[in-house]
Amino acid sequence: AASAFKGATGPSQAVPPVEHHLRNHVQWLQVAGSGPTDSLQGIILTGWQRYDHYSVLCELLPAGVPSLAACLQLLLRVSLAHGPIRHP
């Protein structure tokens, strides 16, 4: 599965909406937890820089680092073996 920690919420965003990205990760983990145990091999975190080649940059990496840290912390703490996943 692939999910974003920044840049996937609009071309004019300056700061990533962290809660939005955390909810998206939780939803992906719930989908993975509802299938066969080995159906999800991992999650790739993406950080979009722009929507197309001619667009301006959105959510620059320095502004996205707190979102990346929160997303990584969530994904590292969650275990699919411990029942339903709840948003912290």
PDB file of N, CA and C in Angstrom:
ATOM      1  N   ALA A   1       0.843  -1.175   0.000  1.00  0.00           N
ATOM      2  CA  ALA A   1       0.000   0.000   0.000  1.00  0.00           C
ATOM      3  C   ALA A   1       0.888   1.237   0.000  1.00  0.00           C
ATOM      4  N   ALA A   2       0.375   2.316  -0.497  1.00  0.00           N
ATOM      5  CA  ALA A   2       1.087   3.591  -0.474  1.00  0.00           C
ATOM      6  C   ALA A   2       0.169   4.660   0.092  1.00  0.00           C
ATOM      7  N   SER A   3       0.726   5.522   0.909  1.00  0.00           N
ATOM      8  CA  SER A   3      -0.033   6.595   1.524  1.00  0.00           C
ATOM      9  C   SER A   3       0.878   7.810   1.611  1.00  0.00           C
ATOM     10  N   ALA A   4       0.300   8.980   1.778  1.00  0.00           N
ATOM     11  CA  ALA A   4       1.086  10.215   1.763  1.00  0.00           C
ATOM     12  C   ALA A   4       1.186  10.821   3.153  1.00  0.00           C
ATOM     13  N   PHE A   5       2.333  11.441   3.428  1.00  0.00           N
ATOM     14  CA  PHE A   5       2.481  12.202   4.662  1.00  0.00           C
ATOM     15  C   PHE A   5       2.388  13.699   4.384  1.00  0.00           C
ATOM     16  N   LYS A   6       2.433  14.082   3.092  1.00  0.00           N
ATOM     17  CA  LYS A   6       2.288  15.485   2.711  1.00  0.00           C
ATOM     18  C   LYS A   6       1.956  15.571   1.234  1.00  0.00           C
ATOM     19  N   GLY A   7       1.393  16.698   0.834  1.00  0.00           N
ATOM     20  CA  GLY A   7       1.219  17.012  -0.576  1.00  0.00           C
ATOM     21  C   GLY A   7       0.041  16.412  -1.305  1.00  0.00           C
ATOM     22  N   ALA A   8      -0.781  15.630  -0.645  1.00  0.00           N
ATOM     23  CA  ALA A   8      -1.863  14.951  -1.356  1.00  0.00           C
ATOM     24  C   ALA A   8      -3.232  15.564  -1.091  1.00  0.00           C
ATOM     25  N   THR A   9      -3.266  16.764  -0.548  1.00  0.00           N
ATOM     26  CA  THR A   9      -4.557  17.353  -0.175  1.00  0.00           C
ATOM     27  C   THR A   9      -4.912  18.601  -0.962  1.00  0.00           C
ATOM     28  N   GLY A  10      -4.059  19.036  -1.847  1.00  0.00           N
ATOM     29  CA  GLY A  10      -4.371  20.196  -2.666  1.00  0.00           C
ATOM     30  C   GLY A  10      -3.120  20.895  -3.139  1.00  0.00           C
ATOM     31  N   PRO A  11      -3.147  21.422  -4.349  1.00  0.00           N
ATOM     32  CA  PRO A  11      -1.949  22.030  -4.921  1.00  0.00           C
ATOM     33  C   PRO A  11      -1.533  23.346  -4.270  1.00  0.00           C
ATOM     34  N   SER A  12      -2.407  23.958  -3.487  1.00  0.00           N
ATOM     35  CA  SER A  12      -2.053  25.250  -2.885  1.00  0.00           C
ATOM     36  C   SER A  12      -1.809  25.156  -1.376  1.00  0.00           C
ATOM     37  N   GLN A  13      -1.701  23.951  -0.842  1.00  0.00           N
ATOM     38  CA  GLN A  13      -1.445  23.782   0.591  1.00  0.00           C
ATOM     39  C   GLN A  13      -0.026  24.236   0.927  1.00  0.00           C
ATOM     40  N   ALA A  14       0.142  24.889   2.061  1.00  0.00           N
ATOM     41  CA  ALA A  14       1.474  25.296   2.521  1.00  0.00           C
ATOM     42  C   ALA A  14       1.958  24.392   3.649  1.00  0.00           C
ATOM     43  N   VAL A  15       1.042  23.927   4.493  1.00  0.00           N
ATOM     44  CA  VAL A  15       1.369  23.076   5.632  1.00  0.00           C
ATOM     45  C   VAL A  15       0.469  21.842   5.570  1.00  0.00           C
ATOM     46  N   PRO A  16       1.040  20.653   5.733  1.00  0.00           N
ATOM     47  CA  PRO A  16       0.224  19.434   5.663  1.00  0.00           C
ATOM     48  C   PRO A  16      -0.785  19.349   6.805  1.00  0.00           C
ATOM     49  N   PRO A  17      -2.015  18.927   6.510  1.00  0.00           N
ATOM     50  CA  PRO A  17      -2.983  18.666   7.576  1.00  0.00           C
ATOM     51  C   PRO A  17      -2.686  17.295   8.199  1.00  0.00           C
ATOM     52  N   VAL A  18      -1.976  17.300   9.297  1.00  0.00           N
ATOM     53  CA  VAL A  18      -1.465  16.066   9.906  1.00  0.00           C
ATOM     54  C   VAL A  18      -2.591  15.094  10.231  1.00  0.00           C
ATOM     55  N   GLU A  19      -3.681  15.588  10.824  1.00  0.00           N
ATOM     56  CA  GLU A  19      -4.794  14.702  11.182  1.00  0.00           C
ATOM     57  C   GLU A  19      -5.335  13.954   9.964  1.00  0.00           C
ATOM     58  N   HIS A  20      -5.438  14.635   8.844  1.00  0.00           N
ATOM     59  CA  HIS A  20      -5.917  14.003   7.613  1.00  0.00           C
ATOM     60  C   HIS A  20      -5.029  12.819   7.237  1.00  0.00           C
ATOM     61  N   HIS A  21      -3.728  13.015   7.283  1.00  0.00           N
ATOM     62  CA  HIS A  21      -2.794  11.953   6.899  1.00  0.00           C
ATOM     63  C   HIS A  21      -2.804  10.806   7.913  1.00  0.00           C
ATOM     64  N   LEU A  22      -2.918  11.120   9.194  1.00  0.00           N
ATOM     65  CA  LEU A  22      -2.996  10.063  10.204  1.00  0.00           C
ATOM     66  C   LEU A  22      -4.251   9.217  10.012  1.00  0.00           C
ATOM     67  N   ARG A  23      -5.394   9.879   9.750  1.00  0.00           N
ATOM     68  CA  ARG A  23      -6.634   9.119   9.507  1.00  0.00           C
ATOM     69  C   ARG A  23      -6.492   8.218   8.288  1.00  0.00           C
ATOM     70  N   ASN A  24      -5.816   8.708   7.252  1.00  0.00           N
ATOM     71  CA  ASN A  24      -5.632   7.900   6.051  1.00  0.00           C
ATOM     72  C   ASN A  24      -4.792   6.654   6.352  1.00  0.00           C
ATOM     73  N   HIS A  25      -3.747   6.808   7.142  1.00  0.00           N
ATOM     74  CA  HIS A  25      -2.923   5.644   7.507  1.00  0.00           C
ATOM     75  C   HIS A  25      -3.735   4.639   8.322  1.00  0.00           C
ATOM     76  N   VAL A  26      -4.527   5.137   9.260  1.00  0.00           N
ATOM     77  CA  VAL A  26      -5.365   4.252  10.071  1.00  0.00           C
ATOM     78  C   VAL A  26      -6.336   3.482   9.181  1.00  0.00           C
ATOM     79  N   GLN A  27      -6.929   4.162   8.207  1.00  0.00           N
ATOM     80  CA  GLN A  27      -7.854   3.477   7.299  1.00  0.00           C
ATOM     81  C   GLN A  27      -7.144   2.397   6.492  1.00  0.00           C
ATOM     82  N   TRP A  28      -5.935   2.680   6.003  1.00  0.00           N
ATOM     83  CA  TRP A  28      -5.184   1.660   5.277  1.00  0.00           C
ATOM     84  C   TRP A  28      -4.876   0.469   6.176  1.00  0.00           C
ATOM     85  N   LEU A  29      -4.512   0.723   7.419  1.00  0.00           N
ATOM     86  CA  LEU A  29      -4.213  -0.367   8.342  1.00  0.00           C
ATOM     87  C   LEU A  29      -5.457  -1.190   8.659  1.00  0.00           C
ATOM     88  N   GLN A  30      -6.609  -0.532   8.731  1.00  0.00           N
ATOM     89  CA  GLN A  30      -7.857  -1.268   8.956  1.00  0.00           C
ATOM     90  C   GLN A  30      -8.173  -2.166   7.764  1.00  0.00           C
ATOM     91  N   VAL A  31      -7.959  -1.654   6.558  1.00  0.00           N
ATOM     92  CA  VAL A  31      -8.169  -2.470   5.355  1.00  0.00           C
ATOM     93  C   VAL A  31      -7.219  -3.671   5.389  1.00  0.00           C
ATOM     94  N   ALA A  32      -5.966  -3.422   5.714  1.00  0.00           N
ATOM     95  CA  ALA A  32      -4.984  -4.508   5.763  1.00  0.00           C
ATOM     96  C   ALA A  32      -5.348  -5.532   6.838  1.00  0.00           C
ATOM     97  N   GLY A  33      -5.858  -5.049   7.969  1.00  0.00           N
ATOM     98  CA  GLY A  33      -6.224  -5.950   9.059  1.00  0.00           C
ATOM     99  C   GLY A  33      -7.463  -6.778   8.780  1.00  0.00           C
ATOM    100  N   SER A  34      -8.260  -6.377   7.813  1.00  0.00           N
ATOM    101  CA  SER A  34      -9.481  -7.119   7.507  1.00  0.00           C
ATOM    102  C   SER A  34      -9.251  -8.219   6.477  1.00  0.00           C
ATOM    103  N   GLY A  35      -8.076  -8.268   5.888  1.00  0.00           N
ATOM    104  CA  GLY A  35      -7.774  -9.274   4.874  1.00  0.00           C
ATOM    105  C   GLY A  35      -6.902 -10.385   5.430  1.00  0.00           C
ATOM    106  N   PRO A  36      -6.408 -11.242   4.549  1.00  0.00           N
ATOM    107  CA  PRO A  36      -5.487 -12.297   4.988  1.00  0.00           C
ATOM    108  C   PRO A  36      -4.246 -11.693   5.654  1.00  0.00           C
ATOM    109  N   THR A  37      -3.666 -12.414   6.604  1.00  0.00           N
ATOM    110  CA  THR A  37      -2.546 -11.912   7.396  1.00  0.00           C
ATOM    111  C   THR A  37      -1.385 -11.413   6.550  1.00  0.00           C
ATOM    112  N   ASP A  38      -1.089 -12.090   5.467  1.00  0.00           N
ATOM    113  CA  ASP A  38       0.076 -11.716   4.661  1.00  0.00           C
ATOM    114  C   ASP A  38      -0.286 -10.870   3.438  1.00  0.00           C
ATOM    115  N   SER A  39      -1.482 -10.284   3.428  1.00  0.00           N
ATOM    116  CA  SER A  39      -1.903  -9.525   2.249  1.00  0.00           C
ATOM    117  C   SER A  39      -1.183  -8.184   2.122  1.00  0.00           C
ATOM    118  N   LEU A  40      -0.758  -7.598   3.228  1.00  0.00           N
ATOM    119  CA  LEU A  40      -0.041  -6.320   3.183  1.00  0.00           C
ATOM    120  C   LEU A  40       1.406  -6.567   3.593  1.00  0.00           C
ATOM    121  N   GLN A  41       2.308  -6.319   2.685  1.00  0.00           N
ATOM    122  CA  GLN A  41       3.732  -6.523   2.957  1.00  0.00           C
ATOM    123  C   GLN A  41       4.369  -5.288   3.583  1.00  0.00           C
ATOM    124  N   GLY A  42       3.780  -4.120   3.376  1.00  0.00           N
ATOM    125  CA  GLY A  42       4.327  -2.890   3.924  1.00  0.00           C
ATOM    126  C   GLY A  42       3.567  -1.677   3.421  1.00  0.00           C
ATOM    127  N   ILE A  43       3.954  -0.524   3.928  1.00  0.00           N
ATOM    128  CA  ILE A  43       3.348   0.738   3.518  1.00  0.00           C
ATOM    129  C   ILE A  43       4.464   1.672   3.071  1.00  0.00           C
ATOM    130  N   ILE A  44       4.270   2.272   1.924  1.00  0.00           N
ATOM    131  CA  ILE A  44       5.225   3.251   1.406  1.00  0.00           C
ATOM    132  C   ILE A  44       4.662   4.637   1.692  1.00  0.00           C
ATOM    133  N   LEU A  45       5.455   5.465   2.360  1.00  0.00           N
ATOM    134  CA  LEU A  45       5.030   6.838   2.619  1.00  0.00           C
ATOM    135  C   LEU A  45       5.526   7.726   1.496  1.00  0.00           C
ATOM    136  N   THR A  46       4.614   8.444   0.887  1.00  0.00           N
ATOM    137  CA  THR A  46       4.998   9.359  -0.181  1.00  0.00           C
ATOM    138  C   THR A  46       4.836  10.793   0.307  1.00  0.00           C
ATOM    139  N   GLY A  47       5.585  11.690  -0.290  1.00  0.00           N
ATOM    140  CA  GLY A  47       5.497  13.109   0.027  1.00  0.00           C
ATOM    141  C   GLY A  47       5.482  13.899  -1.264  1.00  0.00           C
ATOM    142  N   TRP A  48       4.309  14.154  -1.772  1.00  0.00           N
ATOM    143  CA  TRP A  48       4.173  14.835  -3.059  1.00  0.00           C
ATOM    144  C   TRP A  48       4.806  16.218  -3.000  1.00  0.00           C
ATOM    145  N   GLN A  49       5.514  16.576  -4.039  1.00  0.00           N
ATOM    146  CA  GLN A  49       6.093  17.914  -4.149  1.00  0.00           C
ATOM    147  C   GLN A  49       5.235  18.824  -5.026  1.00  0.00           C
ATOM    148  N   ARG A  50       4.596  18.250  -6.029  1.00  0.00           N
ATOM    149  CA  ARG A  50       3.740  19.043  -6.917  1.00  0.00           C
ATOM    150  C   ARG A  50       2.745  18.112  -7.601  1.00  0.00           C
ATOM    151  N   TYR A  51       1.706  18.693  -8.152  1.00  0.00           N
ATOM    152  CA  TYR A  51       0.642  17.918  -8.787  1.00  0.00           C
ATOM    153  C   TYR A  51       0.927  17.610 -10.247  1.00  0.00           C
ATOM    154  N   ASP A  52       1.679  18.448 -10.904  1.00  0.00           N
ATOM    155  CA  ASP A  52       2.158  18.153 -12.250  1.00  0.00           C
ATOM    156  C   ASP A  52       3.437  18.946 -12.476  1.00  0.00           C
ATOM    157  N   HIS A  53       4.094  18.671 -13.558  1.00  0.00           N
ATOM    158  CA  HIS A  53       5.413  19.245 -13.804  1.00  0.00           C
ATOM    159  C   HIS A  53       5.409  20.776 -13.848  1.00  0.00           C
ATOM    160  N   TYR A  54       4.307  21.368 -14.248  1.00  0.00           N
ATOM    161  CA  TYR A  54       4.237  22.823 -14.396  1.00  0.00           C
ATOM    162  C   TYR A  54       3.691  23.538 -13.156  1.00  0.00           C
ATOM    163  N   SER A  55       3.318  22.787 -12.149  1.00  0.00           N
ATOM    164  CA  SER A  55       2.769  23.390 -10.929  1.00  0.00           C
ATOM    165  C   SER A  55       3.889  23.888 -10.018  1.00  0.00           C
ATOM    166  N   VAL A  56       3.519  24.822  -9.164  1.00  0.00           N
ATOM    167  CA  VAL A  56       4.461  25.269  -8.143  1.00  0.00           C
ATOM    168  C   VAL A  56       4.579  24.183  -7.070  1.00  0.00           C
ATOM    169  N   LEU A  57       5.645  24.237  -6.306  1.00  0.00           N
ATOM    170  CA  LEU A  57       5.827  23.268  -5.231  1.00  0.00           C
ATOM    171  C   LEU A  57       4.773  23.486  -4.147  1.00  0.00           C
ATOM    172  N   CYS A  58       4.328  22.405  -3.554  1.00  0.00           N
ATOM    173  CA  CYS A  58       3.369  22.490  -2.460  1.00  0.00           C
ATOM    174  C   CYS A  58       3.941  21.779  -1.238  1.00  0.00           C
ATOM    175  N   GLU A  59       3.605  22.265  -0.066  1.00  0.00           N
ATOM    176  CA  GLU A  59       4.020  21.639   1.189  1.00  0.00           C
ATOM    177  C   GLU A  59       5.486  21.218   1.143  1.00  0.00           C
ATOM    178  N   LEU A  60       6.381  22.169   1.196  1.00  0.00           N
ATOM    179  CA  LEU A  60       7.808  21.883   1.142  1.00  0.00           C
ATOM    180  C   LEU A  60       8.226  20.941   2.269  1.00  0.00           C
ATOM    181  N   LEU A  61       9.297  20.204   2.063  1.00  0.00           N
ATOM    182  CA  LEU A  61       9.719  19.187   3.017  1.00  0.00           C
ATOM    183  C   LEU A  61       9.900  19.722   4.432  1.00  0.00           C
ATOM    184  N   PRO A  62      10.543  20.870   4.660  1.00  0.00           N
ATOM    185  CA  PRO A  62      10.662  21.333   6.046  1.00  0.00           C
ATOM    186  C   PRO A  62       9.308  21.473   6.753  1.00  0.00           C
ATOM    187  N   ALA A  63       8.286  21.914   6.039  1.00  0.00           N
ATOM    188  CA  ALA A  63       6.953  22.028   6.631  1.00  0.00           C
ATOM    189  C   ALA A  63       6.312  20.657   6.821  1.00  0.00           C
ATOM    190  N   GLY A  64       6.763  19.651   6.061  1.00  0.00           N
ATOM    191  CA  GLY A  64       6.191  18.319   6.138  1.00  0.00           C
ATOM    192  C   GLY A  64       6.839  17.393   7.141  1.00  0.00           C
ATOM    193  N   VAL A  65       7.989  17.776   7.708  1.00  0.00           N
ATOM    194  CA  VAL A  65       8.699  16.896   8.643  1.00  0.00           C
ATOM    195  C   VAL A  65       7.858  16.540   9.866  1.00  0.00           C
ATOM    196  N   PRO A  66       7.145  17.484  10.500  1.00  0.00           N
ATOM    197  CA  PRO A  66       6.294  17.070  11.633  1.00  0.00           C
ATOM    198  C   PRO A  66       5.229  16.040  11.230  1.00  0.00           C
ATOM    199  N   SER A  67       4.659  16.183  10.048  1.00  0.00           N
ATOM    200  CA  SER A  67       3.678  15.207   9.575  1.00  0.00           C
ATOM    201  C   SER A  67       4.341  13.852   9.342  1.00  0.00           C
ATOM    202  N   LEU A  68       5.518  13.850   8.751  1.00  0.00           N
ATOM    203  CA  LEU A  68       6.260  12.602   8.535  1.00  0.00           C
ATOM    204  C   LEU A  68       6.549  11.921   9.864  1.00  0.00           C
ATOM    205  N   ALA A  69       6.988  12.686  10.854  1.00  0.00           N
ATOM    206  CA  ALA A  69       7.292  12.117  12.172  1.00  0.00           C
ATOM    207  C   ALA A  69       6.047  11.513  12.817  1.00  0.00           C
ATOM    208  N   ALA A  70       4.923  12.224  12.749  1.00  0.00           N
ATOM    209  CA  ALA A  70       3.681  11.720  13.337  1.00  0.00           C
ATOM    210  C   ALA A  70       3.206  10.459  12.625  1.00  0.00           C
ATOM    211  N   CYS A  71       3.296  10.452  11.305  1.00  0.00           N
ATOM    212  CA  CYS A  71       2.865   9.277  10.531  1.00  0.00           C
ATOM    213  C   CYS A  71       3.749   8.072  10.824  1.00  0.00           C
ATOM    214  N   LEU A  72       5.052   8.286  10.884  1.00  0.00           N
ATOM    215  CA  LEU A  72       5.968   7.184  11.203  1.00  0.00           C
ATOM    216  C   LEU A  72       5.710   6.653  12.605  1.00  0.00           C
ATOM    217  N   GLN A  73       5.490   7.556  13.553  1.00  0.00           N
ATOM    218  CA  GLN A  73       5.213   7.134  14.926  1.00  0.00           C
ATOM    219  C   GLN A  73       3.946   6.284  14.984  1.00  0.00           C
ATOM    220  N   LEU A  74       2.901   6.714  14.292  1.00  0.00           N
ATOM    221  CA  LEU A  74       1.659   5.947  14.259  1.00  0.00           C
ATOM    222  C   LEU A  74       1.893   4.565  13.663  1.00  0.00           C
ATOM    223  N   LEU A  75       2.551   4.511  12.525  1.00  0.00           N
ATOM    224  CA  LEU A  75       2.756   3.233  11.847  1.00  0.00           C
ATOM    225  C   LEU A  75       3.667   2.301  12.642  1.00  0.00           C
ATOM    226  N   LEU A  76       4.638   2.848  13.350  1.00  0.00           N
ATOM    227  CA  LEU A  76       5.533   2.013  14.146  1.00  0.00           C
ATOM    228  C   LEU A  76       4.850   1.464  15.390  1.00  0.00           C
ATOM    229  N   ARG A  77       3.892   2.181  15.920  1.00  0.00           N
ATOM    230  CA  ARG A  77       3.219   1.754  17.156  1.00  0.00           C
ATOM    231  C   ARG A  77       2.063   0.800  16.930  1.00  0.00           C
ATOM    232  N   VAL A  78       1.566   0.761  15.730  1.00  0.00           N
ATOM    233  CA  VAL A  78       0.385  -0.060  15.448  1.00  0.00           C
ATOM    234  C   VAL A  78       0.801  -1.495  15.152  1.00  0.00           C
ATOM    235  N   SER A  79       0.071  -2.414  15.730  1.00  0.00           N
ATOM    236  CA  SER A  79       0.291  -3.824  15.441  1.00  0.00           C
ATOM    237  C   SER A  79      -1.029  -4.428  14.981  1.00  0.00           C
ATOM    238  N   LEU A  80      -1.029  -5.022  13.793  1.00  0.00           N
ATOM    239  CA  LEU A  80      -2.257  -5.613  13.259  1.00  0.00           C
ATOM    240  C   LEU A  80      -2.719  -6.817  14.078  1.00  0.00           C
ATOM    241  N   ALA A  81      -1.833  -7.389  14.865  1.00  0.00           N
ATOM    242  CA  ALA A  81      -2.167  -8.584  15.641  1.00  0.00           C
ATOM    243  C   ALA A  81      -2.964  -8.259  16.905  1.00  0.00           C
ATOM    244  N   HIS A  82      -3.142  -6.990  17.231  1.00  0.00           N
ATOM    245  CA  HIS A  82      -3.789  -6.623  18.484  1.00  0.00           C
ATOM    246  C   HIS A  82      -5.191  -6.064  18.288  1.00  0.00           C
ATOM    247  N   GLY A  83      -5.953  -6.617  17.394  1.00  0.00           N
ATOM    248  CA  GLY A  83      -7.351  -6.238  17.253  1.00  0.00           C
ATOM    249  C   GLY A  83      -7.542  -4.978  16.426  1.00  0.00           C
ATOM    250  N   PRO A  84      -8.719  -4.368  16.555  1.00  0.00           N
ATOM    251  CA  PRO A  84      -9.040  -3.209  15.743  1.00  0.00           C
ATOM    252  C   PRO A  84      -8.105  -2.039  16.045  1.00  0.00           C
ATOM    253  N   ILE A  85      -7.851  -1.259  15.022  1.00  0.00           N
ATOM    254  CA  ILE A  85      -6.952  -0.120  15.139  1.00  0.00           C
ATOM    255  C   ILE A  85      -7.793   1.104  15.442  1.00  0.00           C
ATOM    256  N   ARG A  86      -7.395   1.853  16.438  1.00  0.00           N
ATOM    257  CA  ARG A  86      -8.105   3.063  16.809  1.00  0.00           C
ATOM    258  C   ARG A  86      -7.175   4.253  16.651  1.00  0.00           C
ATOM    259  N   HIS A  87      -7.737   5.373  16.236  1.00  0.00           N
ATOM    260  CA  HIS A  87      -6.950   6.589  16.070  1.00  0.00           C
ATOM    261  C   HIS A  87      -6.554   7.082  17.455  1.00  0.00           C
ATOM    262  N   PRO A  88      -5.259   7.461  17.638  1.00  0.00           N
ATOM    263  CA  PRO A  88      -4.811   7.910  18.966  1.00  0.00           C
ATOM    264  C   PRO A  88      -5.464   9.214  19.381  1.00  0.00           C
TER     265      PRO A  88
END
